[in-house]
Amino acid sequence: MFELTVERVFSAAHAIRIGDHMEPVHGHNWTVRATVAGRQLDRDGLLVDFHAIERELERIISPFHNRSLNEIPPFDTLNPTAEHVAREVGQALARTLAAGVTLTSLSVGEAPGCTATWRPS
């Protein structure tokens, strides 16, 4: 089994609801880390080109950059927690992967030491 991990960063604000309390709007430099896996390499000896994963991650997260997540679908109706961001970005990335390559995890860090990880079931 081979695994590749690609990391990208975007800056965005959000305010999450915890119980009946809405946090104030605040910003983060969000770190997105995607890990993909597969058993077979292509004829060039690659599971998948790192740049292909980077491009897809950039495409998925670019609408969030320098914005308030609370104003961008699906987070205009979905609490923009790190957990939800990880799942939404992970599902979007998983749909773009070539046959034989699977997403094993998508992690989103809001701040150093604060990371949420989503793994497809």
PDB file of N, CA and C in Angstrom:
ATOM      1  N   MET A   1       0.854  -1.184   0.000  1.00  0.00           N
ATOM      2  CA  MET A   1       0.000   0.000   0.000  1.00  0.00           C
ATOM      3  C   MET A   1       0.889   1.233   0.000  1.00  0.00           C
ATOM      4  N   PHE A   2       0.523   2.205  -0.812  1.00  0.00           N
ATOM      5  CA  PHE A   2       1.231   3.475  -0.879  1.00  0.00           C
ATOM      6  C   PHE A   2       0.308   4.576  -0.382  1.00  0.00           C
ATOM      7  N   GLU A   3       0.883   5.553   0.298  1.00  0.00           N
ATOM      8  CA  GLU A   3       0.138   6.720   0.747  1.00  0.00           C
ATOM      9  C   GLU A   3       0.885   7.986   0.358  1.00  0.00           C
ATOM     10  N   LEU A   4       0.117   9.002  -0.003  1.00  0.00           N
ATOM     11  CA  LEU A   4       0.655  10.337  -0.256  1.00  0.00           C
ATOM     12  C   LEU A   4      -0.125  11.317   0.600  1.00  0.00           C
ATOM     13  N   THR A   5       0.560  12.323   1.095  1.00  0.00           N
ATOM     14  CA  THR A   5      -0.098  13.375   1.860  1.00  0.00           C
ATOM     15  C   THR A   5       0.251  14.721   1.253  1.00  0.00           C
ATOM     16  N   VAL A   6      -0.769  15.527   1.048  1.00  0.00           N
ATOM     17  CA  VAL A   6      -0.613  16.863   0.484  1.00  0.00           C
ATOM     18  C   VAL A   6      -1.240  17.855   1.457  1.00  0.00           C
ATOM     19  N   GLU A   7      -0.563  18.975   1.629  1.00  0.00           N
ATOM     20  CA  GLU A   7      -1.035  19.994   2.569  1.00  0.00           C
ATOM     21  C   GLU A   7      -1.183  21.327   1.861  1.00  0.00           C
ATOM     22  N   ARG A   8      -2.279  22.010   2.143  1.00  0.00           N
ATOM     23  CA  ARG A   8      -2.526  23.352   1.621  1.00  0.00           C
ATOM     24  C   ARG A   8      -3.023  24.204   2.783  1.00  0.00           C
ATOM     25  N   VAL A   9      -2.960  25.528   2.627  1.00  0.00           N
ATOM     26  CA  VAL A   9      -3.386  26.455   3.676  1.00  0.00           C
ATOM     27  C   VAL A   9      -4.291  27.513   3.063  1.00  0.00           C
ATOM     28  N   PHE A  10      -5.333  27.876   3.797  1.00  0.00           N
ATOM     29  CA  PHE A  10      -6.154  29.018   3.410  1.00  0.00           C
ATOM     30  C   PHE A  10      -6.488  29.817   4.664  1.00  0.00           C
ATOM     31  N   SER A  11      -6.777  31.090   4.473  1.00  0.00           N
ATOM     32  CA  SER A  11      -7.153  31.979   5.571  1.00  0.00           C
ATOM     33  C   SER A  11      -8.633  32.283   5.453  1.00  0.00           C
ATOM     34  N   ALA A  12      -9.343  32.094   6.571  1.00  0.00           N
ATOM     35  CA  ALA A  12     -10.778  32.378   6.565  1.00  0.00           C
ATOM     36  C   ALA A  12     -11.257  32.619   7.983  1.00  0.00           C
ATOM     37  N   ALA A  13     -12.351  33.345   8.066  1.00  0.00           N
ATOM     38  CA  ALA A  13     -13.003  33.589   9.356  1.00  0.00           C
ATOM     39  C   ALA A  13     -14.203  32.661   9.492  1.00  0.00           C
ATOM     40  N   HIS A  14     -14.649  32.502  10.713  1.00  0.00           N
ATOM     41  CA  HIS A  14     -15.901  31.793  10.977  1.00  0.00           C
ATOM     42  C   HIS A  14     -16.383  32.149  12.377  1.00  0.00           C
ATOM     43  N   ALA A  15     -17.632  31.837  12.614  1.00  0.00           N
ATOM     44  CA  ALA A  15     -18.229  31.924  13.945  1.00  0.00           C
ATOM     45  C   ALA A  15     -19.065  30.662  14.092  1.00  0.00           C
ATOM     46  N   ILE A  16     -18.771  29.862  15.102  1.00  0.00           N
ATOM     47  CA  ILE A  16     -19.530  28.630  15.272  1.00  0.00           C
ATOM     48  C   ILE A  16     -20.500  28.746  16.439  1.00  0.00           C
ATOM     49  N   ARG A  17     -21.566  27.987  16.309  1.00  0.00           N
ATOM     50  CA  ARG A  17     -22.568  27.918  17.367  1.00  0.00           C
ATOM     51  C   ARG A  17     -22.224  26.723  18.243  1.00  0.00           C
ATOM     52  N   ILE A  18     -22.146  26.968  19.553  1.00  0.00           N
ATOM     53  CA  ILE A  18     -21.938  25.906  20.536  1.00  0.00           C
ATOM     54  C   ILE A  18     -23.106  26.005  21.503  1.00  0.00           C
ATOM     55  N   GLY A  19     -24.018  25.041  21.412  1.00  0.00           N
ATOM     56  CA  GLY A  19     -25.239  25.120  22.208  1.00  0.00           C
ATOM     57  C   GLY A  19     -26.046  26.317  21.776  1.00  0.00           C
ATOM     58  N   ASP A  20     -26.407  27.162  22.719  1.00  0.00           N
ATOM     59  CA  ASP A  20     -27.184  28.366  22.418  1.00  0.00           C
ATOM     60  C   ASP A  20     -26.306  29.596  22.233  1.00  0.00           C
ATOM     61  N   HIS A  21     -24.994  29.392  22.230  1.00  0.00           N
ATOM     62  CA  HIS A  21     -24.056  30.512  22.172  1.00  0.00           C
ATOM     63  C   HIS A  21     -23.376  30.577  20.805  1.00  0.00           C
ATOM     64  N   MET A  22     -23.354  31.762  20.210  1.00  0.00           N
ATOM     65  CA  MET A  22     -22.623  31.979  18.956  1.00  0.00           C
ATOM     66  C   MET A  22     -21.319  32.674  19.298  1.00  0.00           C
ATOM     67  N   GLU A  23     -20.213  32.045  18.903  1.00  0.00           N
ATOM     68  CA  GLU A  23     -18.903  32.666  19.114  1.00  0.00           C
ATOM     69  C   GLU A  23     -18.800  33.941  18.283  1.00  0.00           C
ATOM     70  N   PRO A  24     -17.922  34.848  18.701  1.00  0.00           N
ATOM     71  CA  PRO A  24     -17.647  36.000  17.836  1.00  0.00           C
ATOM     72  C   PRO A  24     -16.920  35.526  16.568  1.00  0.00           C
ATOM     73  N   VAL A  25     -17.080  36.280  15.505  1.00  0.00           N
ATOM     74  CA  VAL A  25     -16.359  35.978  14.271  1.00  0.00           C
ATOM     75  C   VAL A  25     -14.862  36.125  14.546  1.00  0.00           C
ATOM     76  N   HIS A  26     -14.111  35.137  14.109  1.00  0.00           N
ATOM     77  CA  HIS A  26     -12.657  35.158  14.295  1.00  0.00           C
ATOM     78  C   HIS A  26     -12.012  34.397  13.143  1.00  0.00           C
ATOM     79  N   GLY A  27     -10.744  34.674  12.897  1.00  0.00           N
ATOM     80  CA  GLY A  27     -10.069  34.089  11.746  1.00  0.00           C
ATOM     81  C   GLY A  27      -9.029  33.061  12.119  1.00  0.00           C
ATOM     82  N   HIS A  28      -8.708  32.243  11.134  1.00  0.00           N
ATOM     83  CA  HIS A  28      -7.674  31.223  11.270  1.00  0.00           C
ATOM     84  C   HIS A  28      -6.900  31.127   9.957  1.00  0.00           C
ATOM     85  N   ASN A  29      -5.693  30.625  10.060  1.00  0.00           N
ATOM     86  CA  ASN A  29      -4.983  30.086   8.908  1.00  0.00           C
ATOM     87  C   ASN A  29      -5.225  28.586   8.973  1.00  0.00           C
ATOM     88  N   TRP A  30      -6.140  28.121   8.150  1.00  0.00           N
ATOM     89  CA  TRP A  30      -6.579  26.735   8.159  1.00  0.00           C
ATOM     90  C   TRP A  30      -5.582  25.877   7.379  1.00  0.00           C
ATOM     91  N   THR A  31      -5.113  24.813   7.985  1.00  0.00           N
ATOM     92  CA  THR A  31      -4.219  23.871   7.317  1.00  0.00           C
ATOM     93  C   THR A  31      -5.031  22.642   6.925  1.00  0.00           C
ATOM     94  N   VAL A  32      -5.035  22.323   5.647  1.00  0.00           N
ATOM     95  CA  VAL A  32      -5.774  21.179   5.128  1.00  0.00           C
ATOM     96  C   VAL A  32      -4.749  20.132   4.708  1.00  0.00           C
ATOM     97  N   ARG A  33      -4.895  18.930   5.252  1.00  0.00           N
ATOM     98  CA  ARG A  33      -3.955  17.846   4.965  1.00  0.00           C
ATOM     99  C   ARG A  33      -4.747  16.643   4.468  1.00  0.00           C
ATOM    100  N   ALA A  34      -4.521  16.269   3.207  1.00  0.00           N
ATOM    101  CA  ALA A  34      -5.217  15.138   2.596  1.00  0.00           C
ATOM    102  C   ALA A  34      -4.250  13.975   2.430  1.00  0.00           C
ATOM    103  N   THR A  35      -4.694  12.791   2.823  1.00  0.00           N
ATOM    104  CA  THR A  35      -3.906  11.582   2.622  1.00  0.00           C
ATOM    105  C   THR A  35      -4.701  10.639   1.744  1.00  0.00           C
ATOM    106  N   VAL A  36      -4.060  10.214   0.655  1.00  0.00           N
ATOM    107  CA  VAL A  36      -4.668   9.267  -0.277  1.00  0.00           C
ATOM    108  C   VAL A  36      -3.828   8.010  -0.301  1.00  0.00           C
ATOM    109  N   ALA A  37      -4.462   6.900  -0.690  1.00  0.00           N
ATOM    110  CA  ALA A  37      -3.755   5.623  -0.688  1.00  0.00           C
ATOM    111  C   ALA A  37      -4.196   4.774  -1.872  1.00  0.00           C
ATOM    112  N   GLY A  38      -3.337   3.836  -2.215  1.00  0.00           N
ATOM    113  CA  GLY A  38      -3.647   2.870  -3.255  1.00  0.00           C
ATOM    114  C   GLY A  38      -2.584   1.793  -3.303  1.00  0.00           C
ATOM    115  N   ARG A  39      -2.899   0.706  -3.956  1.00  0.00           N
ATOM    116  CA  ARG A  39      -1.980  -0.442  -4.021  1.00  0.00           C
ATOM    117  C   ARG A  39      -1.080  -0.428  -5.253  1.00  0.00           C
ATOM    118  N   GLN A  40      -1.531   0.208  -6.313  1.00  0.00           N
ATOM    119  CA  GLN A  40      -0.819   0.138  -7.584  1.00  0.00           C
ATOM    120  C   GLN A  40      -0.234   1.486  -7.987  1.00  0.00           C
ATOM    121  N   LEU A  41       0.986   1.443  -8.491  1.00  0.00           N
ATOM    122  CA  LEU A  41       1.607   2.631  -9.066  1.00  0.00           C
ATOM    123  C   LEU A  41       1.367   2.627 -10.567  1.00  0.00           C
ATOM    124  N   ASP A  42       1.372   3.812 -11.164  1.00  0.00           N
ATOM    125  CA  ASP A  42       1.211   3.879 -12.611  1.00  0.00           C
ATOM    126  C   ASP A  42       2.535   3.550 -13.300  1.00  0.00           C
ATOM    127  N   ARG A  43       2.570   3.628 -14.599  1.00  0.00           N
ATOM    128  CA  ARG A  43       3.767   3.250 -15.353  1.00  0.00           C
ATOM    129  C   ARG A  43       4.959   4.158 -15.066  1.00  0.00           C
ATOM    130  N   ASP A  44       4.691   5.342 -14.497  1.00  0.00           N
ATOM    131  CA  ASP A  44       5.765   6.259 -14.122  1.00  0.00           C
ATOM    132  C   ASP A  44       6.238   6.047 -12.689  1.00  0.00           C
ATOM    133  N   GLY A  45       5.622   5.087 -11.995  1.00  0.00           N
ATOM    134  CA  GLY A  45       5.996   4.834 -10.612  1.00  0.00           C
ATOM    135  C   GLY A  45       5.304   5.748  -9.618  1.00  0.00           C
ATOM    136  N   LEU A  46       4.158   6.321 -10.023  1.00  0.00           N
ATOM    137  CA  LEU A  46       3.410   7.234  -9.164  1.00  0.00           C
ATOM    138  C   LEU A  46       2.078   6.623  -8.754  1.00  0.00           C
ATOM    139  N   LEU A  47       1.695   6.841  -7.518  1.00  0.00           N
ATOM    140  CA  LEU A  47       0.321   6.530  -7.116  1.00  0.00           C
ATOM    141  C   LEU A  47      -0.593   7.557  -7.775  1.00  0.00           C
ATOM    142  N   VAL A  48      -0.242   8.820  -7.597  1.00  0.00           N
ATOM    143  CA  VAL A  48      -0.912   9.953  -8.230  1.00  0.00           C
ATOM    144  C   VAL A  48       0.079  11.110  -8.149  1.00  0.00           C
ATOM    145  N   ASP A  49       0.029  11.992  -9.094  1.00  0.00           N
ATOM    146  CA  ASP A  49       0.921  13.148  -9.090  1.00  0.00           C
ATOM    147  C   ASP A  49       0.546  14.073  -7.931  1.00  0.00           C
ATOM    148  N   PHE A  50       1.519  14.435  -7.104  1.00  0.00           N
ATOM    149  CA  PHE A  50       1.272  15.366  -6.005  1.00  0.00           C
ATOM    150  C   PHE A  50       0.563  16.620  -6.503  1.00  0.00           C
ATOM    151  N   HIS A  51       0.984  17.117  -7.663  1.00  0.00           N
ATOM    152  CA  HIS A  51       0.423  18.357  -8.195  1.00  0.00           C
ATOM    153  C   HIS A  51      -1.064  18.217  -8.531  1.00  0.00           C
ATOM    154  N   ALA A  52      -1.483  17.035  -8.938  1.00  0.00           N
ATOM    155  CA  ALA A  52      -2.903  16.823  -9.232  1.00  0.00           C
ATOM    156  C   ALA A  52      -3.733  16.963  -7.958  1.00  0.00           C
ATOM    157  N   ILE A  53      -3.255  16.407  -6.864  1.00  0.00           N
ATOM    158  CA  ILE A  53      -3.965  16.531  -5.585  1.00  0.00           C
ATOM    159  C   ILE A  53      -3.930  17.996  -5.121  1.00  0.00           C
ATOM    160  N   GLU A  54      -2.784  18.653  -5.266  1.00  0.00           N
ATOM    161  CA  GLU A  54      -2.676  20.067  -4.886  1.00  0.00           C
ATOM    162  C   GLU A  54      -3.683  20.917  -5.654  1.00  0.00           C
ATOM    163  N   ARG A  55      -3.786  20.683  -6.963  1.00  0.00           N
ATOM    164  CA  ARG A  55      -4.715  21.463  -7.794  1.00  0.00           C
ATOM    165  C   ARG A  55      -6.162  21.259  -7.344  1.00  0.00           C
ATOM    166  N   GLU A  56      -6.525  20.008  -7.057  1.00  0.00           N
ATOM    167  CA  GLU A  56      -7.897  19.740  -6.621  1.00  0.00           C
ATOM    168  C   GLU A  56      -8.189  20.377  -5.270  1.00  0.00           C
ATOM    169  N   LEU A  57      -7.241  20.264  -4.337  1.00  0.00           N
ATOM    170  CA  LEU A  57      -7.441  20.906  -3.039  1.00  0.00           C
ATOM    171  C   LEU A  57      -7.580  22.409  -3.195  1.00  0.00           C
ATOM    172  N   GLU A  58      -6.736  23.016  -4.017  1.00  0.00           N
ATOM    173  CA  GLU A  58      -6.825  24.468  -4.258  1.00  0.00           C
ATOM    174  C   GLU A  58      -8.178  24.841  -4.844  1.00  0.00           C
ATOM    175  N   ARG A  59      -8.657  24.061  -5.785  1.00  0.00           N
ATOM    176  CA  ARG A  59      -9.963  24.329  -6.404  1.00  0.00           C
ATOM    177  C   ARG A  59     -11.075  24.270  -5.351  1.00  0.00           C
ATOM    178  N   ILE A  60     -10.997  23.283  -4.460  1.00  0.00           N
ATOM    179  CA  ILE A  60     -12.039  23.090  -3.446  1.00  0.00           C
ATOM    180  C   ILE A  60     -12.003  24.186  -2.393  1.00  0.00           C
ATOM    181  N   ILE A  61     -10.812  24.570  -1.935  1.00  0.00           N
ATOM    182  CA  ILE A  61     -10.723  25.540  -0.834  1.00  0.00           C
ATOM    183  C   ILE A  61     -10.659  26.991  -1.294  1.00  0.00           C
ATOM    184  N   SER A  62     -10.399  27.245  -2.573  1.00  0.00           N
ATOM    185  CA  SER A  62     -10.242  28.629  -3.025  1.00  0.00           C
ATOM    186  C   SER A  62     -11.466  29.505  -2.751  1.00  0.00           C
ATOM    187  N   PRO A  63     -12.706  28.990  -2.810  1.00  0.00           N
ATOM    188  CA  PRO A  63     -13.837  29.855  -2.473  1.00  0.00           C
ATOM    189  C   PRO A  63     -13.851  30.312  -1.006  1.00  0.00           C
ATOM    190  N   PHE A  64     -13.127  29.612  -0.137  1.00  0.00           N
ATOM    191  CA  PHE A  64     -13.095  29.945   1.285  1.00  0.00           C
ATOM    192  C   PHE A  64     -12.047  31.007   1.619  1.00  0.00           C
ATOM    193  N   HIS A  65     -11.027  31.135   0.775  1.00  0.00           N
ATOM    194  CA  HIS A  65      -9.871  31.964   1.095  1.00  0.00           C
ATOM    195  C   HIS A  65     -10.264  33.431   1.255  1.00  0.00           C
ATOM    196  N   ASN A  66      -9.839  34.009   2.392  1.00  0.00           N
ATOM    197  CA  ASN A  66     -10.093  35.415   2.735  1.00  0.00           C
ATOM    198  C   ASN A  66     -11.583  35.753   2.785  1.00  0.00           C
ATOM    199  N   ARG A  67     -12.373  34.798   3.228  1.00  0.00           N
ATOM    200  CA  ARG A  67     -13.819  34.986   3.340  1.00  0.00           C
ATOM    201  C   ARG A  67     -14.280  34.556   4.720  1.00  0.00           C
ATOM    202  N   SER A  68     -15.535  34.785   4.998  1.00  0.00           N
ATOM    203  CA  SER A  68     -16.178  34.244   6.188  1.00  0.00           C
ATOM    204  C   SER A  68     -16.889  32.962   5.775  1.00  0.00           C
ATOM    205  N   LEU A  69     -16.512  31.841   6.378  1.00  0.00           N
ATOM    206  CA  LEU A  69     -17.124  30.565   6.017  1.00  0.00           C
ATOM    207  C   LEU A  69     -18.635  30.588   6.216  1.00  0.00           C
ATOM    208  N   ASN A  70     -19.112  31.357   7.179  1.00  0.00           N
ATOM    209  CA  ASN A  70     -20.534  31.422   7.464  1.00  0.00           C
ATOM    210  C   ASN A  70     -21.351  31.964   6.287  1.00  0.00           C
ATOM    211  N   GLU A  71     -20.694  32.580   5.327  1.00  0.00           N
ATOM    212  CA  GLU A  71     -21.394  33.161   4.176  1.00  0.00           C
ATOM    213  C   GLU A  71     -21.307  32.295   2.927  1.00  0.00           C
ATOM    214  N   ILE A  72     -20.592  31.168   3.004  1.00  0.00           N
ATOM    215  CA  ILE A  72     -20.316  30.353   1.817  1.00  0.00           C
ATOM    216  C   ILE A  72     -20.975  28.982   1.960  1.00  0.00           C
ATOM    217  N   PRO A  73     -21.757  28.553   0.948  1.00  0.00           N
ATOM    218  CA  PRO A  73     -22.341  27.210   1.019  1.00  0.00           C
ATOM    219  C   PRO A  73     -21.235  26.149   1.138  1.00  0.00           C
ATOM    220  N   PRO A  74     -21.440  25.107   1.889  1.00  0.00           N
ATOM    221  CA  PRO A  74     -22.656  24.783   2.628  1.00  0.00           C
ATOM    222  C   PRO A  74     -22.695  25.384   4.030  1.00  0.00           C
ATOM    223  N   PHE A  75     -21.677  26.176   4.370  1.00  0.00           N
ATOM    224  CA  PHE A  75     -21.547  26.672   5.742  1.00  0.00           C
ATOM    225  C   PHE A  75     -22.471  27.849   6.047  1.00  0.00           C
ATOM    226  N   ASP A  76     -23.199  28.313   5.045  1.00  0.00           N
ATOM    227  CA  ASP A  76     -24.219  29.321   5.308  1.00  0.00           C
ATOM    228  C   ASP A  76     -25.407  28.696   6.045  1.00  0.00           C
ATOM    229  N   THR A  77     -25.524  27.360   5.980  1.00  0.00           N
ATOM    230  CA  THR A  77     -26.576  26.647   6.710  1.00  0.00           C
ATOM    231  C   THR A  77     -26.028  25.549   7.617  1.00  0.00           C
ATOM    232  N   LEU A  78     -24.741  25.260   7.517  1.00  0.00           N
ATOM    233  CA  LEU A  78     -24.080  24.207   8.293  1.00  0.00           C
ATOM    234  C   LEU A  78     -23.055  24.863   9.210  1.00  0.00           C
ATOM    235  N   ASN A  79     -23.096  24.554  10.491  1.00  0.00           N
ATOM    236  CA  ASN A  79     -22.163  25.135  11.452  1.00  0.00           C
ATOM    237  C   ASN A  79     -20.726  24.905  10.958  1.00  0.00           C
ATOM    238  N   PRO A  80     -19.950  25.969  10.710  1.00  0.00           N
ATOM    239  CA  PRO A  80     -18.624  25.827  10.099  1.00  0.00           C
ATOM    240  C   PRO A  80     -17.532  25.405  11.089  1.00  0.00           C
ATOM    241  N   THR A  81     -17.755  24.278  11.733  1.00  0.00           N
ATOM    242  CA  THR A  81     -16.752  23.716  12.636  1.00  0.00           C
ATOM    243  C   THR A  81     -15.618  23.099  11.827  1.00  0.00           C
ATOM    244  N   ALA A  82     -14.492  22.904  12.444  1.00  0.00           N
ATOM    245  CA  ALA A  82     -13.372  22.237  11.770  1.00  0.00           C
ATOM    246  C   ALA A  82     -13.785  20.844  11.313  1.00  0.00           C
ATOM    247  N   GLU A  83     -14.615  20.174  12.103  1.00  0.00           N
ATOM    248  CA  GLU A  83     -15.079  18.829  11.734  1.00  0.00           C
ATOM    249  C   GLU A  83     -15.893  18.869  10.453  1.00  0.00           C
ATOM    250  N   HIS A  84     -16.812  19.841  10.359  1.00  0.00           N
ATOM    251  CA  HIS A  84     -17.623  19.950   9.152  1.00  0.00           C
ATOM    252  C   HIS A  84     -16.776  20.363   7.946  1.00  0.00           C
ATOM    253  N   VAL A  85     -15.840  21.266   8.154  1.00  0.00           N
ATOM    254  CA  VAL A  85     -14.960  21.668   7.055  1.00  0.00           C
ATOM    255  C   VAL A  85     -14.174  20.457   6.555  1.00  0.00           C
ATOM    256  N   ALA A  86     -13.643  19.656   7.473  1.00  0.00           N
ATOM    257  CA  ALA A  86     -12.877  18.466   7.083  1.00  0.00           C
ATOM    258  C   ALA A  86     -13.740  17.517   6.264  1.00  0.00           C
ATOM    259  N   ARG A  87     -14.952  17.247   6.706  1.00  0.00           N
ATOM    260  CA  ARG A  87     -15.826  16.324   5.972  1.00  0.00           C
ATOM    261  C   ARG A  87     -16.190  16.872   4.601  1.00  0.00           C
ATOM    262  N   GLU A  88     -16.571  18.151   4.531  1.00  0.00           N
ATOM    263  CA  GLU A  88     -16.993  18.720   3.251  1.00  0.00           C
ATOM    264  C   GLU A  88     -15.847  18.748   2.239  1.00  0.00           C
ATOM    265  N   VAL A  89     -14.664  19.165   2.677  1.00  0.00           N
ATOM    266  CA  VAL A  89     -13.508  19.190   1.776  1.00  0.00           C
ATOM    267  C   VAL A  89     -13.125  17.761   1.400  1.00  0.00           C
ATOM    268  N   GLY A  90     -13.151  16.853   2.364  1.00  0.00           N
ATOM    269  CA  GLY A  90     -12.811  15.453   2.096  1.00  0.00           C
ATOM    270  C   GLY A  90     -13.738  14.812   1.094  1.00  0.00           C
ATOM    271  N   GLN A  91     -15.040  15.015   1.253  1.00  0.00           N
ATOM    272  CA  GLN A  91     -15.992  14.437   0.305  1.00  0.00           C
ATOM    273  C   GLN A  91     -15.789  15.003  -1.091  1.00  0.00           C
ATOM    274  N   ALA A  92     -15.545  16.301  -1.187  1.00  0.00           N
ATOM    275  CA  ALA A  92     -15.314  16.924  -2.493  1.00  0.00           C
ATOM    276  C   ALA A  92     -14.059  16.368  -3.147  1.00  0.00           C
ATOM    277  N   LEU A  93     -12.997  16.204  -2.368  1.00  0.00           N
ATOM    278  CA  LEU A  93     -11.758  15.665  -2.930  1.00  0.00           C
ATOM    279  C   LEU A  93     -11.927  14.209  -3.337  1.00  0.00           C
ATOM    280  N   ALA A  94     -12.582  13.422  -2.512  1.00  0.00           N
ATOM    281  CA  ALA A  94     -12.754  11.993  -2.796  1.00  0.00           C
ATOM    282  C   ALA A  94     -13.438  11.774  -4.140  1.00  0.00           C
ATOM    283  N   ARG A  95     -14.358  12.656  -4.500  1.00  0.00           N
ATOM    284  CA  ARG A  95     -15.085  12.504  -5.775  1.00  0.00           C
ATOM    285  C   ARG A  95     -14.183  12.705  -6.992  1.00  0.00           C
ATOM    286  N   THR A  96     -13.004  13.309  -6.798  1.00  0.00           N
ATOM    287  CA  THR A  96     -12.142  13.627  -7.945  1.00  0.00           C
ATOM    288  C   THR A  96     -11.030  12.606  -8.171  1.00  0.00           C
ATOM    289  N   LEU A  97     -10.878  11.649  -7.264  1.00  0.00           N
ATOM    290  CA  LEU A  97      -9.726  10.741  -7.330  1.00  0.00           C
ATOM    291  C   LEU A  97      -9.894   9.672  -8.399  1.00  0.00           C
ATOM    292  N   ALA A  98      -8.785   9.305  -8.993  1.00  0.00           N
ATOM    293  CA  ALA A  98      -8.773   8.278 -10.028  1.00  0.00           C
ATOM    294  C   ALA A  98      -9.088   6.914  -9.432  1.00  0.00           C
ATOM    295  N   ALA A  99      -9.508   6.004 -10.289  1.00  0.00           N
ATOM    296  CA  ALA A  99      -9.776   4.628  -9.865  1.00  0.00           C
ATOM    297  C   ALA A  99      -8.527   4.053  -9.205  1.00  0.00           C
ATOM    298  N   GLY A 100      -8.720   3.338  -8.123  1.00  0.00           N
ATOM    299  CA  GLY A 100      -7.605   2.718  -7.423  1.00  0.00           C
ATOM    300  C   GLY A 100      -6.953   3.605  -6.386  1.00  0.00           C
ATOM    301  N   VAL A 101      -7.376   4.867  -6.315  1.00  0.00           N
ATOM    302  CA  VAL A 101      -6.842   5.806  -5.323  1.00  0.00           C
ATOM    303  C   VAL A 101      -8.003   6.210  -4.423  1.00  0.00           C
ATOM    304  N   THR A 102      -7.805   6.088  -3.115  1.00  0.00           N
ATOM    305  CA  THR A 102      -8.862   6.442  -2.175  1.00  0.00           C
ATOM    306  C   THR A 102      -8.350   7.464  -1.166  1.00  0.00           C
ATOM    307  N   LEU A 103      -9.257   8.281  -0.694  1.00  0.00           N
ATOM    308  CA  LEU A 103      -8.945   9.206   0.375  1.00  0.00           C
ATOM    309  C   LEU A 103      -8.992   8.428   1.680  1.00  0.00           C
ATOM    310  N   THR A 104      -7.899   8.457   2.442  1.00  0.00           N
ATOM    311  CA  THR A 104      -7.904   7.770   3.736  1.00  0.00           C
ATOM    312  C   THR A 104      -8.223   8.728   4.864  1.00  0.00           C
ATOM    313  N   SER A 105      -7.834  10.008   4.726  1.00  0.00           N
ATOM    314  CA  SER A 105      -8.183  10.993   5.744  1.00  0.00           C
ATOM    315  C   SER A 105      -8.022  12.397   5.194  1.00  0.00           C
ATOM    316  N   LEU A 106      -8.788  13.296   5.792  1.00  0.00           N
ATOM    317  CA  LEU A 106      -8.687  14.713   5.495  1.00  0.00           C
ATOM    318  C   LEU A 106      -8.691  15.424   6.839  1.00  0.00           C
ATOM    319  N   SER A 107      -7.612  16.124   7.137  1.00  0.00           N
ATOM    320  CA  SER A 107      -7.477  16.831   8.405  1.00  0.00           C
ATOM    321  C   SER A 107      -7.505  18.335   8.164  1.00  0.00           C
ATOM    322  N   VAL A 108      -8.120  19.033   9.100  1.00  0.00           N
ATOM    323  CA  VAL A 108      -8.192  20.487   9.050  1.00  0.00           C
ATOM    324  C   VAL A 108      -7.724  21.008  10.397  1.00  0.00           C
ATOM    325  N   GLY A 109      -6.692  21.832  10.361  1.00  0.00           N
ATOM    326  CA  GLY A 109      -6.195  22.460  11.574  1.00  0.00           C
ATOM    327  C   GLY A 109      -6.583  23.917  11.608  1.00  0.00           C
ATOM    328  N   GLU A 110      -7.191  24.337  12.709  1.00  0.00           N
ATOM    329  CA  GLU A 110      -7.555  25.737  12.891  1.00  0.00           C
ATOM    330  C   GLU A 110      -6.399  26.535  13.470  1.00  0.00           C
ATOM    331  N   ALA A 111      -5.624  25.876  14.300  1.00  0.00           N
ATOM    332  CA  ALA A 111      -4.513  26.521  15.000  1.00  0.00           C
ATOM    333  C   ALA A 111      -3.530  25.416  15.375  1.00  0.00           C
ATOM    334  N   PRO A 112      -2.282  25.759  15.666  1.00  0.00           N
ATOM    335  CA  PRO A 112      -1.326  24.727  16.065  1.00  0.00           C
ATOM    336  C   PRO A 112      -1.886  23.893  17.223  1.00  0.00           C
ATOM    337  N   GLY A 113      -1.888  22.594  17.040  1.00  0.00           N
ATOM    338  CA  GLY A 113      -2.368  21.687  18.070  1.00  0.00           C
ATOM    339  C   GLY A 113      -3.873  21.460  18.075  1.00  0.00           C
ATOM    340  N   CYS A 114      -4.604  22.066  17.145  1.00  0.00           N
ATOM    341  CA  CYS A 114      -6.069  21.934  17.094  1.00  0.00           C
ATOM    342  C   CYS A 114      -6.481  21.448  15.704  1.00  0.00           C
ATOM    343  N   THR A 115      -6.624  20.134  15.564  1.00  0.00           N
ATOM    344  CA  THR A 115      -6.881  19.521  14.272  1.00  0.00           C
ATOM    345  C   THR A 115      -8.079  18.582  14.347  1.00  0.00           C
ATOM    346  N   ALA A 116      -8.950  18.656  13.353  1.00  0.00           N
ATOM    347  CA  ALA A 116     -10.060  17.718  13.201  1.00  0.00           C
ATOM    348  C   ALA A 116      -9.779  16.847  11.986  1.00  0.00           C
ATOM    349  N   THR A 117     -10.016  15.549  12.109  1.00  0.00           N
ATOM    350  CA  THR A 117      -9.748  14.614  11.018  1.00  0.00           C
ATOM    351  C   THR A 117     -11.021  13.860  10.675  1.00  0.00           C
ATOM    352  N   TRP A 118     -11.300  13.775   9.364  1.00  0.00           N
ATOM    353  CA  TRP A 118     -12.429  13.007   8.840  1.00  0.00           C
ATOM    354  C   TRP A 118     -11.879  11.856   8.024  1.00  0.00           C
ATOM    355  N   ARG A 119     -12.427  10.660   8.266  1.00  0.00           N
ATOM    356  CA  ARG A 119     -12.071   9.484   7.491  1.00  0.00           C
ATOM    357  C   ARG A 119     -13.333   8.917   6.867  1.00  0.00           C
ATOM    358  N   PRO A 120     -13.329   8.728   5.544  1.00  0.00           N
ATOM    359  CA  PRO A 120     -14.508   8.146   4.915  1.00  0.00           C
ATOM    360  C   PRO A 120     -14.757   6.748   5.471  1.00  0.00           C
ATOM    361  N   SER A 121     -16.033   6.396   5.590  1.00  0.00           N
ATOM    362  CA  SER A 121     -16.339   5.049   6.087  1.00  0.00           C
ATOM    363  C   SER A 121     -16.628   4.111   4.948  1.00  0.00           C
TER     364      SER A 121
END
